Structures are given as structure tokens and as C-alpha cells.
Amino acid sequence: MCDSLLSVPRVAAMLDISRRSVYRYIELGELSVVDLRTGNGRSRVRIPSRDVREFVGRRTSTTSCRRPS
């Protein structure tokens, strides 16, 4: 019924990127969020796990990565 919702720090850790990068991907529309803010409090965004899987899928390459010599 409902995907699990992940915090920004959790997504950053899963993808091995900074929280700032996660917010940048949100701003660019590459990740969607659910805002769980109550009242006038600060924003409490969560990212659906499905969106993280789709994001990784879009960025997955079939070419091999070579290390610089």
C-alpha cells in the first residue's frame, strides 16, 4: 500500500552523498518528497523509498568503470 519513507540523512547515507546533494536532487525534481510538517513548524520531508530506487535505476550505467591509471 505505502512505500517506506526515508529521511534526508538516511538517503544521503544510502547513496554515499551529502545531505546538501539530496536537497539539490529534490530541488531539481529528481527525488520527490512527502512533507510531514505539522502546523507552522519546520519542514519534515521524507523521501519515498520507491523514488530512491527509481533514481538509482536512472543513474545506473551498463558501461564498466575504469580506475584512472
PDB file of N, CA and C in Angstrom:
ATOM      1  N   MET A   1       0.816  -1.192   0.000  1.00  0.00           N
ATOM      2  CA  MET A   1       0.000   0.000   0.000  1.00  0.00           C
ATOM      3  C   MET A   1       0.861   1.258   0.000  1.00  0.00           C
ATOM      4  N   CYS A   2       1.805   1.367   0.933  1.00  0.00           N
ATOM      5  CA  CYS A   2       2.593   2.593   1.062  1.00  0.00           C
ATOM      6  C   CYS A   2       4.078   2.244   1.122  1.00  0.00           C
ATOM      7  N   ASP A   3       4.872   2.936   0.317  1.00  0.00           N
ATOM      8  CA  ASP A   3       6.320   2.763   0.396  1.00  0.00           C
ATOM      9  C   ASP A   3       6.811   3.299   1.726  1.00  0.00           C
ATOM     10  N   SER A   4       7.935   2.785   2.182  1.00  0.00           N
ATOM     11  CA  SER A   4       8.515   3.357   3.386  1.00  0.00           C
ATOM     12  C   SER A   4       9.059   4.736   3.046  1.00  0.00           C
ATOM     13  N   LEU A   5       9.029   5.616   4.032  1.00  0.00           N
ATOM     14  CA  LEU A   5       9.501   6.981   3.850  1.00  0.00           C
ATOM     15  C   LEU A   5      10.847   7.130   4.540  1.00  0.00           C
ATOM     16  N   LEU A   6      11.802   7.699   3.833  1.00  0.00           N
ATOM     17  CA  LEU A   6      13.173   7.808   4.318  1.00  0.00           C
ATOM     18  C   LEU A   6      13.533   9.261   4.584  1.00  0.00           C
ATOM     19  N   SER A   7      14.292   9.492   5.636  1.00  0.00           N
ATOM     20  CA  SER A   7      14.750  10.846   5.944  1.00  0.00           C
ATOM     21  C   SER A   7      15.873  11.249   4.991  1.00  0.00           C
ATOM     22  N   VAL A   8      16.114  12.548   4.903  1.00  0.00           N
ATOM     23  CA  VAL A   8      17.198  13.047   4.049  1.00  0.00           C
ATOM     24  C   VAL A   8      18.550  12.481   4.495  1.00  0.00           C
ATOM     25  N   PRO A   9      18.878  12.484   5.802  1.00  0.00           N
ATOM     26  CA  PRO A   9      20.161  11.894   6.201  1.00  0.00           C
ATOM     27  C   PRO A   9      20.273  10.408   5.841  1.00  0.00           C
ATOM     28  N   ARG A  10      19.174   9.678   5.937  1.00  0.00           N
ATOM     29  CA  ARG A  10      19.194   8.249   5.591  1.00  0.00           C
ATOM     30  C   ARG A  10      19.464   8.052   4.104  1.00  0.00           C
ATOM     31  N   VAL A  11      18.800   8.845   3.259  1.00  0.00           N
ATOM     32  CA  VAL A  11      19.019   8.748   1.812  1.00  0.00           C
ATOM     33  C   VAL A  11      20.455   9.132   1.479  1.00  0.00           C
ATOM     34  N   ALA A  12      20.956  10.180   2.127  1.00  0.00           N
ATOM     35  CA  ALA A  12      22.341  10.599   1.887  1.00  0.00           C
ATOM     36  C   ALA A  12      23.306   9.468   2.228  1.00  0.00           C
ATOM     37  N   ALA A  13      23.076   8.794   3.342  1.00  0.00           N
ATOM     38  CA  ALA A  13      23.946   7.682   3.736  1.00  0.00           C
ATOM     39  C   ALA A  13      23.821   6.518   2.759  1.00  0.00           C
ATOM     40  N   MET A  14      22.608   6.216   2.322  1.00  0.00           N
ATOM     41  CA  MET A  14      22.395   5.107   1.384  1.00  0.00           C
ATOM     42  C   MET A  14      23.121   5.347   0.065  1.00  0.00           C
ATOM     43  N   LEU A  15      23.113   6.601  -0.398  1.00  0.00           N
ATOM     44  CA  LEU A  15      23.710   6.932  -1.690  1.00  0.00           C
ATOM     45  C   LEU A  15      25.162   7.388  -1.574  1.00  0.00           C
ATOM     46  N   ASP A  16      25.650   7.493  -0.335  1.00  0.00           N
ATOM     47  CA  ASP A  16      27.015   7.952  -0.067  1.00  0.00           C
ATOM     48  C   ASP A  16      27.256   9.342  -0.667  1.00  0.00           C
ATOM     49  N   ILE A  17      26.300  10.241  -0.405  1.00  0.00           N
ATOM     50  CA  ILE A  17      26.405  11.627  -0.844  1.00  0.00           C
ATOM     51  C   ILE A  17      26.058  12.525   0.341  1.00  0.00           C
ATOM     52  N   SER A  18      26.250  13.819   0.192  1.00  0.00           N
ATOM     53  CA  SER A  18      25.936  14.752   1.271  1.00  0.00           C
ATOM     54  C   SER A  18      24.436  15.028   1.335  1.00  0.00           C
ATOM     55  N   ARG A  19      23.982  15.503   2.477  1.00  0.00           N
ATOM     56  CA  ARG A  19      22.580  15.911   2.604  1.00  0.00           C
ATOM     57  C   ARG A  19      22.282  17.048   1.637  1.00  0.00           C
ATOM     58  N   ARG A  20      23.249  17.919   1.446  1.00  0.00           N
ATOM     59  CA  ARG A  20      23.083  19.029   0.507  1.00  0.00           C
ATOM     60  C   ARG A  20      22.785  18.502  -0.902  1.00  0.00           C
ATOM     61  N   SER A  21      23.481  17.432  -1.293  1.00  0.00           N
ATOM     62  CA  SER A  21      23.237  16.839  -2.614  1.00  0.00           C
ATOM     63  C   SER A  21      21.828  16.272  -2.706  1.00  0.00           C
ATOM     64  N   VAL A  22      21.351  15.654  -1.634  1.00  0.00           N
ATOM     65  CA  VAL A  22      19.979  15.127  -1.633  1.00  0.00           C
ATOM     66  C   VAL A  22      18.996  16.280  -1.846  1.00  0.00           C
ATOM     67  N   TYR A  23      19.183  17.386  -1.119  1.00  0.00           N
ATOM     68  CA  TYR A  23      18.296  18.536  -1.290  1.00  0.00           C
ATOM     69  C   TYR A  23      18.398  19.111  -2.701  1.00  0.00           C
ATOM     70  N   ARG A  24      19.582  19.068  -3.288  1.00  0.00           N
ATOM     71  CA  ARG A  24      19.752  19.555  -4.665  1.00  0.00           C
ATOM     72  C   ARG A  24      18.944  18.677  -5.631  1.00  0.00           C
ATOM     73  N   TYR A  25      19.003  17.347  -5.453  1.00  0.00           N
ATOM     74  CA  TYR A  25      18.224  16.450  -6.309  1.00  0.00           C
ATOM     75  C   TYR A  25      16.722  16.673  -6.116  1.00  0.00           C
ATOM     76  N   ILE A  26      16.314  16.995  -4.895  1.00  0.00           N
ATOM     77  CA  ILE A  26      14.908  17.315  -4.636  1.00  0.00           C
ATOM     78  C   ILE A  26      14.534  18.586  -5.394  1.00  0.00           C
ATOM     79  N   GLU A  27      15.379  19.598  -5.290  1.00  0.00           N
ATOM     80  CA  GLU A  27      15.123  20.871  -5.967  1.00  0.00           C
ATOM     81  C   GLU A  27      15.052  20.705  -7.483  1.00  0.00           C
ATOM     82  N   LEU A  28      15.873  19.805  -8.023  1.00  0.00           N
ATOM     83  CA  LEU A  28      15.885  19.553  -9.465  1.00  0.00           C
ATOM     84  C   LEU A  28      14.727  18.663  -9.919  1.00  0.00           C
ATOM     85  N   GLY A  29      13.969  18.129  -8.953  1.00  0.00           N
ATOM     86  CA  GLY A  29      12.836  17.272  -9.294  1.00  0.00           C
ATOM     87  C   GLY A  29      13.223  15.824  -9.530  1.00  0.00           C
ATOM     88  N   GLU A  30      14.461  15.458  -9.193  1.00  0.00           N
ATOM     89  CA  GLU A  30      14.897  14.071  -9.395  1.00  0.00           C
ATOM     90  C   GLU A  30      14.452  13.159  -8.259  1.00  0.00           C
ATOM     91  N   LEU A  31      14.156  13.732  -7.115  1.00  0.00           N
ATOM     92  CA  LEU A  31      13.596  12.994  -5.982  1.00  0.00           C
ATOM     93  C   LEU A  31      12.364  13.755  -5.513  1.00  0.00           C
ATOM     94  N   SER A  32      11.295  13.040  -5.222  1.00  0.00           N
ATOM     95  CA  SER A  32      10.105  13.706  -4.694  1.00  0.00           C
ATOM     96  C   SER A  32      10.083  13.549  -3.181  1.00  0.00           C
ATOM     97  N   VAL A  33       9.291  14.386  -2.530  1.00  0.00           N
ATOM     98  CA  VAL A  33       9.235  14.349  -1.075  1.00  0.00           C
ATOM     99  C   VAL A  33       7.791  14.363  -0.590  1.00  0.00           C
ATOM    100  N   VAL A  34       7.629  13.876   0.620  1.00  0.00           N
ATOM    101  CA  VAL A  34       6.380  13.988   1.356  1.00  0.00           C
ATOM    102  C   VAL A  34       6.693  14.905   2.525  1.00  0.00           C
ATOM    103  N   ASP A  35       5.948  16.003   2.662  1.00  0.00           N
ATOM    104  CA  ASP A  35       6.199  16.960   3.743  1.00  0.00           C
ATOM    105  C   ASP A  35       5.301  16.611   4.921  1.00  0.00           C
ATOM    106  N   LEU A  36       5.902  16.240   6.028  1.00  0.00           N
ATOM    107  CA  LEU A  36       5.160  15.827   7.221  1.00  0.00           C
ATOM    108  C   LEU A  36       5.071  16.942   8.259  1.00  0.00           C
ATOM    109  N   ARG A  37       5.224  18.159   7.812  1.00  0.00           N
ATOM    110  CA  ARG A  37       5.181  19.317   8.716  1.00  0.00           C
ATOM    111  C   ARG A  37       3.826  19.371   9.414  1.00  0.00           C
ATOM    112  N   THR A  38       3.857  19.723  10.675  1.00  0.00           N
ATOM    113  CA  THR A  38       2.616  19.923  11.418  1.00  0.00           C
ATOM    114  C   THR A  38       2.572  21.380  11.855  1.00  0.00           C
ATOM    115  N   GLY A  39       1.506  22.047  11.540  1.00  0.00           N
ATOM    116  CA  GLY A  39       1.365  23.450  11.926  1.00  0.00           C
ATOM    117  C   GLY A  39       2.399  24.333  11.247  1.00  0.00           C
ATOM    118  N   ASN A  40       2.920  25.278  12.019  1.00  0.00           N
ATOM    119  CA  ASN A  40       3.902  26.224  11.491  1.00  0.00           C
ATOM    120  C   ASN A  40       5.334  25.787  11.761  1.00  0.00           C
ATOM    121  N   GLY A  41       5.499  24.552  12.184  1.00  0.00           N
ATOM    122  CA  GLY A  41       6.843  24.051  12.488  1.00  0.00           C
ATOM    123  C   GLY A  41       7.699  23.925  11.249  1.00  0.00           C
ATOM    124  N   ARG A  42       8.950  23.604  11.492  1.00  0.00           N
ATOM    125  CA  ARG A  42       9.856  23.466  10.348  1.00  0.00           C
ATOM    126  C   ARG A  42       9.469  22.242   9.517  1.00  0.00           C
ATOM    127  N   SER A  43       9.906  22.266   8.291  1.00  0.00           N
ATOM    128  CA  SER A  43       9.579  21.197   7.355  1.00  0.00           C
ATOM    129  C   SER A  43      10.204  19.876   7.802  1.00  0.00           C
ATOM    130  N   ARG A  44       9.462  18.799   7.659  1.00  0.00           N
ATOM    131  CA  ARG A  44       9.965  17.447   7.941  1.00  0.00           C
ATOM    132  C   ARG A  44       9.704  16.611   6.710  1.00  0.00           C
ATOM    133  N   VAL A  45      10.602  16.690   5.749  1.00  0.00           N
ATOM    134  CA  VAL A  45      10.386  15.970   4.498  1.00  0.00           C
ATOM    135  C   VAL A  45      10.896  14.543   4.599  1.00  0.00           C
ATOM    136  N   ARG A  46      10.223  13.668   3.885  1.00  0.00           N
ATOM    137  CA  ARG A  46      10.631  12.277   3.760  1.00  0.00           C
ATOM    138  C   ARG A  46      10.569  11.916   2.286  1.00  0.00           C
ATOM    139  N   ILE A  47      11.425  10.995   1.894  1.00  0.00           N
ATOM    140  CA  ILE A  47      11.526  10.589   0.502  1.00  0.00           C
ATOM    141  C   ILE A  47      11.034   9.149   0.391  1.00  0.00           C
ATOM    142  N   PRO A  48      10.066   8.897  -0.486  1.00  0.00           N
ATOM    143  CA  PRO A  48       9.591   7.520  -0.661  1.00  0.00           C
ATOM    144  C   PRO A  48      10.724   6.613  -1.155  1.00  0.00           C
ATOM    145  N   SER A  49      10.843   5.431  -0.570  1.00  0.00           N
ATOM    146  CA  SER A  49      11.914   4.502  -0.952  1.00  0.00           C
ATOM    147  C   SER A  49      11.837   4.141  -2.432  1.00  0.00           C
ATOM    148  N   ARG A  50      10.629   4.092  -2.982  1.00  0.00           N
ATOM    149  CA  ARG A  50      10.454   3.806  -4.411  1.00  0.00           C
ATOM    150  C   ARG A  50      11.175   4.854  -5.258  1.00  0.00           C
ATOM    151  N   ASP A  51      11.105   6.123  -4.840  1.00  0.00           N
ATOM    152  CA  ASP A  51      11.772   7.188  -5.591  1.00  0.00           C
ATOM    153  C   ASP A  51      13.286   7.031  -5.557  1.00  0.00           C
ATOM    154  N   VAL A  52      13.811   6.568  -4.429  1.00  0.00           N
ATOM    155  CA  VAL A  52      15.262   6.345  -4.339  1.00  0.00           C
ATOM    156  C   VAL A  52      15.658   5.218  -5.287  1.00  0.00           C
ATOM    157  N   ARG A  53      14.877   4.132  -5.305  1.00  0.00           N
ATOM    158  CA  ARG A  53      15.169   3.022  -6.226  1.00  0.00           C
ATOM    159  C   ARG A  53      15.124   3.487  -7.679  1.00  0.00           C
ATOM    160  N   GLU A  54      14.113   4.273  -8.033  1.00  0.00           N
ATOM    161  CA  GLU A  54      13.998   4.775  -9.406  1.00  0.00           C
ATOM    162  C   GLU A  54      15.147   5.721  -9.750  1.00  0.00           C
ATOM    163  N   PHE A  55      15.545   6.547  -8.806  1.00  0.00           N
ATOM    164  CA  PHE A  55      16.663   7.471  -9.001  1.00  0.00           C
ATOM    165  C   PHE A  55      17.938   6.689  -9.314  1.00  0.00           C
ATOM    166  N   VAL A  56      18.201   5.658  -8.519  1.00  0.00           N
ATOM    167  CA  VAL A  56      19.387   4.825  -8.748  1.00  0.00           C
ATOM    168  C   VAL A  56      19.280   4.132 -10.102  1.00  0.00           C
ATOM    169  N   GLY A  57      18.103   3.644 -10.441  1.00  0.00           N
ATOM    170  CA  GLY A  57      17.905   2.987 -11.729  1.00  0.00           C
ATOM    171  C   GLY A  57      18.197   3.905 -12.905  1.00  0.00           C
ATOM    172  N   ARG A  58      17.772   5.168 -12.791  1.00  0.00           N
ATOM    173  CA  ARG A  58      18.032   6.129 -13.866  1.00  0.00           C
ATOM    174  C   ARG A  58      19.517   6.437 -14.000  1.00  0.00           C
ATOM    175  N   ARG A  59      20.245   6.305 -12.928  1.00  0.00           N
ATOM    176  CA  ARG A  59      21.662   6.660 -12.938  1.00  0.00           C
ATOM    177  C   ARG A  59      22.581   5.453 -13.059  1.00  0.00           C
ATOM    178  N   THR A  60      22.003   4.277 -13.199  1.00  0.00           N
ATOM    179  CA  THR A  60      22.806   3.068 -13.339  1.00  0.00           C
ATOM    180  C   THR A  60      23.311   2.954 -14.766  1.00  0.00           C
ATOM    181  N   SER A  61      24.605   2.700 -14.887  1.00  0.00           N
ATOM    182  CA  SER A  61      25.234   2.589 -16.199  1.00  0.00           C
ATOM    183  C   SER A  61      25.623   1.143 -16.454  1.00  0.00           C
ATOM    184  N   THR A  62      25.528   0.726 -17.702  1.00  0.00           N
ATOM    185  CA  THR A  62      25.934  -0.634 -18.047  1.00  0.00           C
ATOM    186  C   THR A  62      27.379  -0.679 -18.523  1.00  0.00           C
ATOM    187  N   THR A  63      27.998   0.482 -18.664  1.00  0.00           N
ATOM    188  CA  THR A  63      29.404   0.506 -19.075  1.00  0.00           C
ATOM    189  C   THR A  63      30.274   0.264 -17.859  1.00  0.00           C
ATOM    190  N   SER A  64      31.425  -0.324 -18.085  1.00  0.00           N
ATOM    191  CA  SER A  64      32.314  -0.604 -16.962  1.00  0.00           C
ATOM    192  C   SER A  64      33.059   0.664 -16.570  1.00  0.00           C
ATOM    193  N   CYS A  65      33.293   0.780 -15.295  1.00  0.00           N
ATOM    194  CA  CYS A  65      34.049   1.920 -14.780  1.00  0.00           C
ATOM    195  C   CYS A  65      35.517   1.535 -14.707  1.00  0.00           C
ATOM    196  N   ARG A  66      36.335   2.399 -15.194  1.00  0.00           N
ATOM    197  CA  ARG A  66      37.773   2.147 -15.123  1.00  0.00           C
ATOM    198  C   ARG A  66      38.398   3.109 -14.138  1.00  0.00           C
ATOM    199  N   ARG A  67      39.299   2.585 -13.363  1.00  0.00           N
ATOM    200  CA  ARG A  67      40.033   3.435 -12.439  1.00  0.00           C
ATOM    201  C   ARG A  67      41.125   4.164 -13.204  1.00  0.00           C
ATOM    202  N   PRO A  68      41.347   5.414 -12.833  1.00  0.00           N
ATOM    203  CA  PRO A  68      42.433   6.136 -13.509  1.00  0.00           C
ATOM    204  C   PRO A  68      43.779   5.490 -13.212  1.00  0.00           C
ATOM    205  N   SER A  69      44.659   5.483 -14.199  1.00  0.00           N
ATOM    206  CA  SER A  69      45.977   4.867 -14.004  1.00  0.00           C
ATOM    207  C   SER A  69      46.902   5.790 -13.270  1.00  0.00           C
TER     208      SER A  69
END
